[in-house]
């Protein structure tokens, strides 16, 4: 039986990272079991699971196109937002 803290920590899953002309297997620590369409980041690249694991082959992920990867990544600190709805440079005293 798995403890609650172990379940929250996630699991290590071997995933085939397929770039087309080359592929490698990496053990990725995920919070849950992979599923088709799942996105994650590894080695500075955004990946998406494209093939489910089976008895002959494991989970396969392919890199996201740069445009989709930019949408997937976290917003930068210089995105212009302050978090309180005011634009950059706005004075808090009105």
PDB file of N, CA and C in Angstrom:
ATOM      1  N   UNK A   1       0.845  -1.188   0.000  1.00  0.00           N
ATOM      2  CA  UNK A   1       0.000   0.000   0.000  1.00  0.00           C
ATOM      3  C   UNK A   1       0.885   1.244   0.000  1.00  0.00           C
ATOM      4  N   UNK A   2       0.508   2.236  -0.724  1.00  0.00           N
ATOM      5  CA  UNK A   2       1.303   3.445  -0.873  1.00  0.00           C
ATOM      6  C   UNK A   2       0.795   4.515   0.081  1.00  0.00           C
ATOM      7  N   UNK A   3       1.717   5.185   0.756  1.00  0.00           N
ATOM      8  CA  UNK A   3       1.314   6.236   1.689  1.00  0.00           C
ATOM      9  C   UNK A   3       0.858   7.478   0.933  1.00  0.00           C
ATOM     10  N   UNK A   4       0.144   8.371   1.629  1.00  0.00           N
ATOM     11  CA  UNK A   4      -0.341   9.599   0.993  1.00  0.00           C
ATOM     12  C   UNK A   4       0.804  10.469   0.505  1.00  0.00           C
ATOM     13  N   UNK A   5       1.878  10.562   1.300  1.00  0.00           N
ATOM     14  CA  UNK A   5       2.999  11.414   0.890  1.00  0.00           C
ATOM     15  C   UNK A   5       3.683  10.857  -0.351  1.00  0.00           C
ATOM     16  N   UNK A   6       3.751   9.537  -0.465  1.00  0.00           N
ATOM     17  CA  UNK A   6       4.359   8.939  -1.656  1.00  0.00           C
ATOM     18  C   UNK A   6       3.476   9.169  -2.876  1.00  0.00           C
ATOM     19  N   UNK A   7       2.161   9.120  -2.683  1.00  0.00           N
ATOM     20  CA  UNK A   7       1.244   9.351  -3.801  1.00  0.00           C
ATOM     21  C   UNK A   7       1.325  10.788  -4.287  1.00  0.00           C
ATOM     22  N   UNK A   8       1.505  11.744  -3.374  1.00  0.00           N
ATOM     23  CA  UNK A   8       1.623  13.152  -3.757  1.00  0.00           C
ATOM     24  C   UNK A   8       2.933  13.419  -4.479  1.00  0.00           C
ATOM     25  N   UNK A   9       3.980  12.679  -4.109  1.00  0.00           N
ATOM     26  CA  UNK A   9       5.295  12.894  -4.704  1.00  0.00           C
ATOM     27  C   UNK A   9       5.318  12.480  -6.167  1.00  0.00           C
ATOM     28  N   UNK A  10       4.431  11.565  -6.566  1.00  0.00           N
ATOM     29  CA  UNK A  10       4.374  11.133  -7.952  1.00  0.00           C
ATOM     30  C   UNK A  10       5.154   9.865  -8.176  1.00  0.00           C
ATOM     31  N   UNK A  11       5.475   9.644  -9.426  1.00  0.00           N
ATOM     32  CA  UNK A  11       6.157   8.422  -9.796  1.00  0.00           C
ATOM     33  C   UNK A  11       7.147   8.703 -10.922  1.00  0.00           C
ATOM     34  N   UNK A  12       8.150   7.856 -11.027  1.00  0.00           N
ATOM     35  CA  UNK A  12       9.130   7.978 -12.105  1.00  0.00           C
ATOM     36  C   UNK A  12       8.681   7.085 -13.255  1.00  0.00           C
ATOM     37  N   UNK A  13       8.558   7.659 -14.445  1.00  0.00           N
ATOM     38  CA  UNK A  13       8.049   6.934 -15.611  1.00  0.00           C
ATOM     39  C   UNK A  13       9.063   7.032 -16.746  1.00  0.00           C
ATOM     40  N   UNK A  14       9.469   5.884 -17.317  1.00  0.00           N
ATOM     41  CA  UNK A  14      10.325   5.966 -18.502  1.00  0.00           C
ATOM     42  C   UNK A  14       9.490   6.394 -19.718  1.00  0.00           C
ATOM     43  N   UNK A  15       9.940   7.428 -20.408  1.00  0.00           N
ATOM     44  CA  UNK A  15       9.226   7.941 -21.578  1.00  0.00           C
ATOM     45  C   UNK A  15      10.213   8.060 -22.736  1.00  0.00           C
ATOM     46  N   UNK A  16       9.794   7.616 -23.908  1.00  0.00           N
ATOM     47  CA  UNK A  16      10.617   7.740 -25.108  1.00  0.00           C
ATOM     48  C   UNK A  16      10.429   9.152 -25.645  1.00  0.00           C
ATOM     49  N   UNK A  17      11.505   9.919 -25.691  1.00  0.00           N
ATOM     50  CA  UNK A  17      11.473  11.285 -26.219  1.00  0.00           C
ATOM     51  C   UNK A  17      11.904  11.211 -27.682  1.00  0.00           C
ATOM     52  N   UNK A  18      10.948  11.340 -28.578  1.00  0.00           N
ATOM     53  CA  UNK A  18      11.166  11.126 -30.010  1.00  0.00           C
ATOM     54  C   UNK A  18      11.233  12.453 -30.755  1.00  0.00           C
ATOM     55  N   UNK A  19      12.407  12.795 -31.272  1.00  0.00           N
ATOM     56  CA  UNK A  19      12.589  14.032 -32.033  1.00  0.00           C
ATOM     57  C   UNK A  19      12.483  13.798 -33.535  1.00  0.00           C
ATOM     58  N   UNK A  20      12.145  12.610 -33.960  1.00  0.00           N
ATOM     59  CA  UNK A  20      12.055  12.315 -35.392  1.00  0.00           C
ATOM     60  C   UNK A  20      13.312  11.631 -35.873  1.00  0.00           C
ATOM     61  N   UNK A  21      14.412  12.377 -35.996  1.00  0.00           N
ATOM     62  CA  UNK A  21      15.669  11.806 -36.475  1.00  0.00           C
ATOM     63  C   UNK A  21      16.443  11.110 -35.360  1.00  0.00           C
ATOM     64  N   UNK A  22      16.075  11.367 -34.117  1.00  0.00           N
ATOM     65  CA  UNK A  22      16.743  10.746 -32.974  1.00  0.00           C
ATOM     66  C   UNK A  22      15.752  10.609 -31.825  1.00  0.00           C
ATOM     67  N   UNK A  23      15.989   9.612 -31.004  1.00  0.00           N
ATOM     68  CA  UNK A  23      15.118   9.404 -29.849  1.00  0.00           C
ATOM     69  C   UNK A  23      15.971   8.955 -28.672  1.00  0.00           C
ATOM     70  N   UNK A  24      15.457   9.180 -27.480  1.00  0.00           N
ATOM     71  CA  UNK A  24      16.139   8.714 -26.276  1.00  0.00           C
ATOM     72  C   UNK A  24      15.079   8.387 -25.229  1.00  0.00           C
ATOM     73  N   UNK A  25      15.468   7.587 -24.265  1.00  0.00           N
ATOM     74  CA  UNK A  25      14.565   7.253 -23.171  1.00  0.00           C
ATOM     75  C   UNK A  25      15.018   8.036 -21.949  1.00  0.00           C
ATOM     76  N   UNK A  26      14.070   8.696 -21.305  1.00  0.00           N
ATOM     77  CA  UNK A  26      14.361   9.449 -20.086  1.00  0.00           C
ATOM     78  C   UNK A  26      13.371   9.024 -19.011  1.00  0.00           C
ATOM     79  N   UNK A  27      13.846   8.971 -17.782  1.00  0.00           N
ATOM     80  CA  UNK A  27      12.960   8.684 -16.656  1.00  0.00           C
ATOM     81  C   UNK A  27      12.486  10.028 -16.126  1.00  0.00           C
ATOM     82  N   UNK A  28      11.193  10.286 -16.273  1.00  0.00           N
ATOM     83  CA  UNK A  28      10.597  11.569 -15.915  1.00  0.00           C
ATOM     84  C   UNK A  28       9.782  11.396 -14.638  1.00  0.00           C
ATOM     85  N   UNK A  29       9.949  12.312 -13.704  1.00  0.00           N
ATOM     86  CA  UNK A  29       9.161  12.289 -12.472  1.00  0.00           C
ATOM     87  C   UNK A  29       7.883  13.095 -12.705  1.00  0.00           C
ATOM     88  N   UNK A  30       6.752  12.409 -12.683  1.00  0.00           N
ATOM     89  CA  UNK A  30       5.449  13.032 -12.908  1.00  0.00           C
ATOM     90  C   UNK A  30       4.570  12.839 -11.682  1.00  0.00           C
ATOM     91  N   UNK A  31       3.613  13.732 -11.508  1.00  0.00           N
ATOM     92  CA  UNK A  31       2.685  13.625 -10.379  1.00  0.00           C
ATOM     93  C   UNK A  31       1.630  12.557 -10.593  1.00  0.00           C
ATOM     94  N   UNK A  32       1.406  12.175 -11.859  1.00  0.00           N
ATOM     95  CA  UNK A  32       0.393  11.163 -12.156  1.00  0.00           C
ATOM     96  C   UNK A  32       0.830  10.334 -13.344  1.00  0.00           C
ATOM     97  N   UNK A  33       0.095   9.286 -13.625  1.00  0.00           N
ATOM     98  CA  UNK A  33       0.387   8.430 -14.766  1.00  0.00           C
ATOM     99  C   UNK A  33       0.201   9.230 -16.056  1.00  0.00           C
ATOM    100  N   UNK A  34       1.104   9.073 -17.020  1.00  0.00           N
ATOM    101  CA  UNK A  34       0.955   9.810 -18.280  1.00  0.00           C
ATOM    102  C   UNK A  34      -0.342   9.441 -19.002  1.00  0.00           C
ATOM    103  N   UNK A  35      -0.822  10.349 -19.840  1.00  0.00           N
ATOM    104  CA  UNK A  35      -2.005  10.119 -20.662  1.00  0.00           C
ATOM    105  C   UNK A  35      -1.792  10.830 -21.989  1.00  0.00           C
ATOM    106  N   UNK A  36      -2.518  10.417 -23.013  1.00  0.00           N
ATOM    107  CA  UNK A  36      -2.379  11.033 -24.335  1.00  0.00           C
ATOM    108  C   UNK A  36      -2.709  12.515 -24.260  1.00  0.00           C
ATOM    109  N   UNK A  37      -1.842  13.336 -24.818  1.00  0.00           N
ATOM    110  CA  UNK A  37      -2.043  14.781 -24.804  1.00  0.00           C
ATOM    111  C   UNK A  37      -1.407  15.471 -23.611  1.00  0.00           C
ATOM    112  N   UNK A  38      -0.904  14.712 -22.648  1.00  0.00           N
ATOM    113  CA  UNK A  38      -0.261  15.308 -21.466  1.00  0.00           C
ATOM    114  C   UNK A  38       0.990  16.067 -21.903  1.00  0.00           C
ATOM    115  N   UNK A  39       1.168  17.251 -21.341  1.00  0.00           N
ATOM    116  CA  UNK A  39       2.344  18.064 -21.662  1.00  0.00           C
ATOM    117  C   UNK A  39       3.215  18.204 -20.428  1.00  0.00           C
ATOM    118  N   UNK A  40       4.526  18.189 -20.660  1.00  0.00           N
ATOM    119  CA  UNK A  40       5.481  18.344 -19.572  1.00  0.00           C
ATOM    120  C   UNK A  40       6.745  18.958 -20.145  1.00  0.00           C
ATOM    121  N   UNK A  41       7.614  19.401 -19.263  1.00  0.00           N
ATOM    122  CA  UNK A  41       8.863  20.013 -19.688  1.00  0.00           C
ATOM    123  C   UNK A  41      10.018  19.147 -19.213  1.00  0.00           C
ATOM    124  N   UNK A  42      10.988  18.931 -20.088  1.00  0.00           N
ATOM    125  CA  UNK A  42      12.177  18.156 -19.736  1.00  0.00           C
ATOM    126  C   UNK A  42      13.349  18.676 -20.554  1.00  0.00           C
ATOM    127  N   UNK A  43      14.433  18.986 -19.887  1.00  0.00           N
ATOM    128  CA  UNK A  43      15.633  19.444 -20.581  1.00  0.00           C
ATOM    129  C   UNK A  43      15.453  20.748 -21.322  1.00  0.00           C
ATOM    130  N   UNK A  44      14.567  21.616 -20.828  1.00  0.00           N
ATOM    131  CA  UNK A  44      14.342  22.905 -21.464  1.00  0.00           C
ATOM    132  C   UNK A  44      13.435  22.845 -22.687  1.00  0.00           C
ATOM    133  N   UNK A  45      12.836  21.695 -22.948  1.00  0.00           N
ATOM    134  CA  UNK A  45      11.940  21.525 -24.087  1.00  0.00           C
ATOM    135  C   UNK A  45      10.564  21.103 -23.590  1.00  0.00           C
ATOM    136  N   UNK A  46       9.521  21.640 -24.206  1.00  0.00           N
ATOM    137  CA  UNK A  46       8.152  21.224 -23.884  1.00  0.00           C
ATOM    138  C   UNK A  46       7.817  19.997 -24.729  1.00  0.00           C
ATOM    139  N   UNK A  47       7.248  18.964 -24.100  1.00  0.00           N
ATOM    140  CA  UNK A  47       6.922  17.705 -24.755  1.00  0.00           C
ATOM    141  C   UNK A  47       5.444  17.395 -24.591  1.00  0.00           C
ATOM    142  N   UNK A  48       4.899  16.612 -25.530  1.00  0.00           N
ATOM    143  CA  UNK A  48       3.517  16.151 -25.444  1.00  0.00           C
ATOM    144  C   UNK A  48       3.486  14.643 -25.688  1.00  0.00           C
ATOM    145  N   UNK A  49       2.777  13.915 -24.834  1.00  0.00           N
ATOM    146  CA  UNK A  49       2.650  12.469 -24.980  1.00  0.00           C
ATOM    147  C   UNK A  49       1.761  12.187 -26.192  1.00  0.00           C
ATOM    148  N   UNK A  50       2.293  11.425 -27.159  1.00  0.00           N
ATOM    149  CA  UNK A  50       1.567  11.169 -28.406  1.00  0.00           C
ATOM    150  C   UNK A  50       1.162   9.710 -28.588  1.00  0.00           C
ATOM    151  N   UNK A  51       1.806   8.788 -27.891  1.00  0.00           N
ATOM    152  CA  UNK A  51       1.476   7.366 -27.997  1.00  0.00           C
ATOM    153  C   UNK A  51       1.444   6.763 -26.601  1.00  0.00           C
ATOM    154  N   UNK A  52       0.411   5.980 -26.341  1.00  0.00           N
ATOM    155  CA  UNK A  52       0.275   5.325 -25.039  1.00  0.00           C
ATOM    156  C   UNK A  52       1.232   4.146 -24.931  1.00  0.00           C
ATOM    157  N   UNK A  53       1.627   3.858 -23.709  1.00  0.00           N
ATOM    158  CA  UNK A  53       2.492   2.712 -23.476  1.00  0.00           C
ATOM    159  C   UNK A  53       1.709   1.415 -23.612  1.00  0.00           C
ATOM    160  N   UNK A  54       2.375   0.363 -24.111  1.00  0.00           N
ATOM    161  CA  UNK A  54       1.746  -0.954 -24.200  1.00  0.00           C
ATOM    162  C   UNK A  54       2.802  -2.008 -23.901  1.00  0.00           C
ATOM    163  N   UNK A  55       2.481  -3.266 -24.134  1.00  0.00           N
ATOM    164  CA  UNK A  55       3.416  -4.337 -23.800  1.00  0.00           C
ATOM    165  C   UNK A  55       4.672  -4.322 -24.675  1.00  0.00           C
ATOM    166  N   UNK A  56       4.603  -3.730 -25.853  1.00  0.00           N
ATOM    167  CA  UNK A  56       5.739  -3.729 -26.770  1.00  0.00           C
ATOM    168  C   UNK A  56       6.561  -2.447 -26.702  1.00  0.00           C
ATOM    169  N   UNK A  57       5.924  -1.351 -26.331  1.00  0.00           N
ATOM    170  CA  UNK A  57       6.613  -0.059 -26.356  1.00  0.00           C
ATOM    171  C   UNK A  57       6.059   0.811 -25.242  1.00  0.00           C
ATOM    172  N   UNK A  58       6.895   1.633 -24.676  1.00  0.00           N
ATOM    173  CA  UNK A  58       6.460   2.508 -23.587  1.00  0.00           C
ATOM    174  C   UNK A  58       5.803   3.781 -24.091  1.00  0.00           C
ATOM    175  N   UNK A  59       5.611   4.718 -23.176  1.00  0.00           N
ATOM    176  CA  UNK A  59       5.027   6.020 -23.505  1.00  0.00           C
ATOM    177  C   UNK A  59       5.969   6.763 -24.440  1.00  0.00           C
ATOM    178  N   UNK A  60       5.401   7.447 -25.439  1.00  0.00           N
ATOM    179  CA  UNK A  60       6.196   8.203 -26.411  1.00  0.00           C
ATOM    180  C   UNK A  60       5.748   9.654 -26.378  1.00  0.00           C
ATOM    181  N   UNK A  61       6.720  10.560 -26.333  1.00  0.00           N
ATOM    182  CA  UNK A  61       6.422  11.993 -26.356  1.00  0.00           C
ATOM    183  C   UNK A  61       7.216  12.646 -27.477  1.00  0.00           C
ATOM    184  N   UNK A  62       6.619  13.661 -28.078  1.00  0.00           N
ATOM    185  CA  UNK A  62       7.277  14.426 -29.134  1.00  0.00           C
ATOM    186  C   UNK A  62       7.353  15.884 -28.711  1.00  0.00           C
ATOM    187  N   UNK A  63       8.388  16.612 -29.155  1.00  0.00           N
ATOM    188  CA  UNK A  63       8.492  18.023 -28.763  1.00  0.00           C
ATOM    189  C   UNK A  63       7.363  18.850 -29.369  1.00  0.00           C
ATOM    190  N   UNK A  64       6.902  19.812 -28.606  1.00  0.00           N
ATOM    191  CA  UNK A  64       5.879  20.728 -29.107  1.00  0.00           C
ATOM    192  C   UNK A  64       6.517  21.722 -30.067  1.00  0.00           C
ATOM    193  N   UNK A  65       5.798  22.168 -31.088  1.00  0.00           N
ATOM    194  CA  UNK A  65       6.319  23.246 -31.935  1.00  0.00           C
ATOM    195  C   UNK A  65       6.590  24.479 -31.070  1.00  0.00           C
ATOM    196  N   UNK A  66       7.536  25.303 -31.464  1.00  0.00           N
ATOM    197  CA  UNK A  66       7.936  26.454 -30.640  1.00  0.00           C
ATOM    198  C   UNK A  66       6.763  27.342 -30.255  1.00  0.00           C
ATOM    199  N   UNK A  67       5.844  27.561 -31.176  1.00  0.00           N
ATOM    200  CA  UNK A  67       4.710  28.442 -30.875  1.00  0.00           C
ATOM    201  C   UNK A  67       3.845  27.858 -29.758  1.00  0.00           C
ATOM    202  N   UNK A  68       3.532  26.560 -29.851  1.00  0.00           N
ATOM    203  CA  UNK A  68       2.737  25.919 -28.811  1.00  0.00           C
ATOM    204  C   UNK A  68       3.507  25.842 -27.507  1.00  0.00           C
ATOM    205  N   UNK A  69       4.818  25.623 -27.594  1.00  0.00           N
ATOM    206  CA  UNK A  69       5.635  25.544 -26.389  1.00  0.00           C
ATOM    207  C   UNK A  69       5.629  26.877 -25.658  1.00  0.00           C
ATOM    208  N   UNK A  70       5.633  27.983 -26.399  1.00  0.00           N
ATOM    209  CA  UNK A  70       5.600  29.307 -25.771  1.00  0.00           C
ATOM    210  C   UNK A  70       4.281  29.513 -25.041  1.00  0.00           C
ATOM    211  N   UNK A  71       3.186  29.005 -25.595  1.00  0.00           N
ATOM    212  CA  UNK A  71       1.892  29.121 -24.931  1.00  0.00           C
ATOM    213  C   UNK A  71       1.828  28.226 -23.700  1.00  0.00           C
ATOM    214  N   UNK A  72       2.550  27.104 -23.736  1.00  0.00           N
ATOM    215  CA  UNK A  72       2.549  26.145 -22.638  1.00  0.00           C
ATOM    216  C   UNK A  72       3.403  26.617 -21.469  1.00  0.00           C
ATOM    217  N   UNK A  73       4.487  27.349 -21.758  1.00  0.00           N
ATOM    218  CA  UNK A  73       5.420  27.753 -20.707  1.00  0.00           C
ATOM    219  C   UNK A  73       4.808  28.799 -19.789  1.00  0.00           C
ATOM    220  N   UNK A  74       5.428  28.939 -18.645  1.00  0.00           N
ATOM    221  CA  UNK A  74       4.948  29.902 -17.656  1.00  0.00           C
ATOM    222  C   UNK A  74       5.174  31.324 -18.153  1.00  0.00           C
ATOM    223  N   UNK A  75       4.267  32.247 -17.842  1.00  0.00           N
ATOM    224  CA  UNK A  75       4.479  33.635 -18.266  1.00  0.00           C
ATOM    225  C   UNK A  75       5.692  34.227 -17.554  1.00  0.00           C
ATOM    226  N   UNK A  76       6.404  35.064 -18.257  1.00  0.00           N
ATOM    227  CA  UNK A  76       7.602  35.649 -17.666  1.00  0.00           C
ATOM    228  C   UNK A  76       7.238  36.783 -16.723  1.00  0.00           C
ATOM    229  N   UNK A  77       8.190  37.151 -15.907  1.00  0.00           N
ATOM    230  CA  UNK A  77       7.973  38.229 -14.943  1.00  0.00           C
ATOM    231  C   UNK A  77       7.824  39.569 -15.649  1.00  0.00           C
ATOM    232  N   UNK A  78       8.302  39.659 -16.903  1.00  0.00           N
ATOM    233  CA  UNK A  78       8.242  40.922 -17.632  1.00  0.00           C
ATOM    234  C   UNK A  78       7.083  40.948 -18.625  1.00  0.00           C
ATOM    235  N   UNK A  79       6.026  40.216 -18.343  1.00  0.00           N
ATOM    236  CA  UNK A  79       4.907  40.148 -19.277  1.00  0.00           C
ATOM    237  C   UNK A  79       4.064  41.409 -19.267  1.00  0.00           C
ATOM    238  N   UNK A  80       4.341  42.331 -18.365  1.00  0.00           N
ATOM    239  CA  UNK A  80       3.603  43.584 -18.344  1.00  0.00           C
ATOM    240  C   UNK A  80       2.503  43.606 -17.311  1.00  0.00           C
ATOM    241  N   UNK A  81       2.153  42.478 -16.812  1.00  0.00           N
ATOM    242  CA  UNK A  81       1.093  42.432 -15.806  1.00  0.00           C
ATOM    243  C   UNK A  81       1.638  42.598 -14.404  1.00  0.00           C
ATOM    244  N   UNK A  82       0.843  43.252 -13.556  1.00  0.00           N
ATOM    245  CA  UNK A  82       1.251  43.439 -12.171  1.00  0.00           C
ATOM    246  C   UNK A  82       0.524  42.476 -11.248  1.00  0.00           C
ATOM    247  N   UNK A  83      -0.507  41.826 -11.741  1.00  0.00           N
ATOM    248  CA  UNK A  83      -1.264  40.915 -10.917  1.00  0.00           C
ATOM    249  C   UNK A  83      -2.454  41.560 -10.237  1.00  0.00           C
ATOM    250  N   UNK A  84      -2.517  42.910 -10.248  1.00  0.00           N
ATOM    251  CA  UNK A  84      -3.640  43.591  -9.600  1.00  0.00           C
ATOM    252  C   UNK A  84      -4.511  44.328 -10.622  1.00  0.00           C
ATOM    253  N   UNK A  85      -4.285  44.074 -11.906  1.00  0.00           N
ATOM    254  CA  UNK A  85      -5.116  44.669 -12.943  1.00  0.00           C
ATOM    255  C   UNK A  85      -4.631  46.009 -13.464  1.00  0.00           C
ATOM    256  N   UNK A  86      -3.666  46.633 -12.775  1.00  0.00           N
ATOM    257  CA  UNK A  86      -3.152  47.925 -13.240  1.00  0.00           C
ATOM    258  C   UNK A  86      -2.034  47.700 -14.247  1.00  0.00           C
ATOM    259  N   UNK A  87      -1.921  48.536 -15.274  1.00  0.00           N
ATOM    260  CA  UNK A  87      -0.819  48.390 -16.229  1.00  0.00           C
ATOM    261  C   UNK A  87       0.504  48.780 -15.588  1.00  0.00           C
ATOM    262  N   UNK A  88       1.591  48.390 -16.226  1.00  0.00           N
ATOM    263  CA  UNK A  88       2.925  48.759 -15.727  1.00  0.00           C
ATOM    264  C   UNK A  88       3.062  50.262 -15.647  1.00  0.00           C
ATOM    265  N   UNK A  89       3.708  50.722 -14.618  1.00  0.00           N
ATOM    266  CA  UNK A  89       3.982  52.141 -14.464  1.00  0.00           C
ATOM    267  C   UNK A  89       2.840  52.918 -13.846  1.00  0.00           C
ATOM    268  N   UNK A  90       1.733  52.278 -13.587  1.00  0.00           N
ATOM    269  CA  UNK A  90       0.594  52.982 -12.990  1.00  0.00           C
ATOM    270  C   UNK A  90       0.863  53.227 -11.511  1.00  0.00           C
ATOM    271  N   UNK A  91       0.504  54.378 -11.063  1.00  0.00           N
ATOM    272  CA  UNK A  91       0.710  54.756  -9.668  1.00  0.00           C
ATOM    273  C   UNK A  91      -0.410  54.163  -8.814  1.00  0.00           C
ATOM    274  N   UNK A  92      -0.057  53.716  -7.629  1.00  0.00           N
ATOM    275  CA  UNK A  92      -1.069  53.135  -6.749  1.00  0.00           C
ATOM    276  C   UNK A  92      -1.925  54.222  -6.098  1.00  0.00           C
ATOM    277  N   UNK A  93      -1.417  55.476  -6.085  1.00  0.00           N
ATOM    278  CA  UNK A  93      -2.192  56.596  -5.515  1.00  0.00           C
ATOM    279  C   UNK A  93      -2.930  57.307  -6.633  1.00  0.00           C
ATOM    280  N   UNK A  94      -4.223  57.278  -6.606  1.00  0.00           N
ATOM    281  CA  UNK A  94      -4.986  57.913  -7.687  1.00  0.00           C
ATOM    282  C   UNK A  94      -5.707  59.145  -7.208  1.00  0.00           C
TER     283      UNK A  94
END
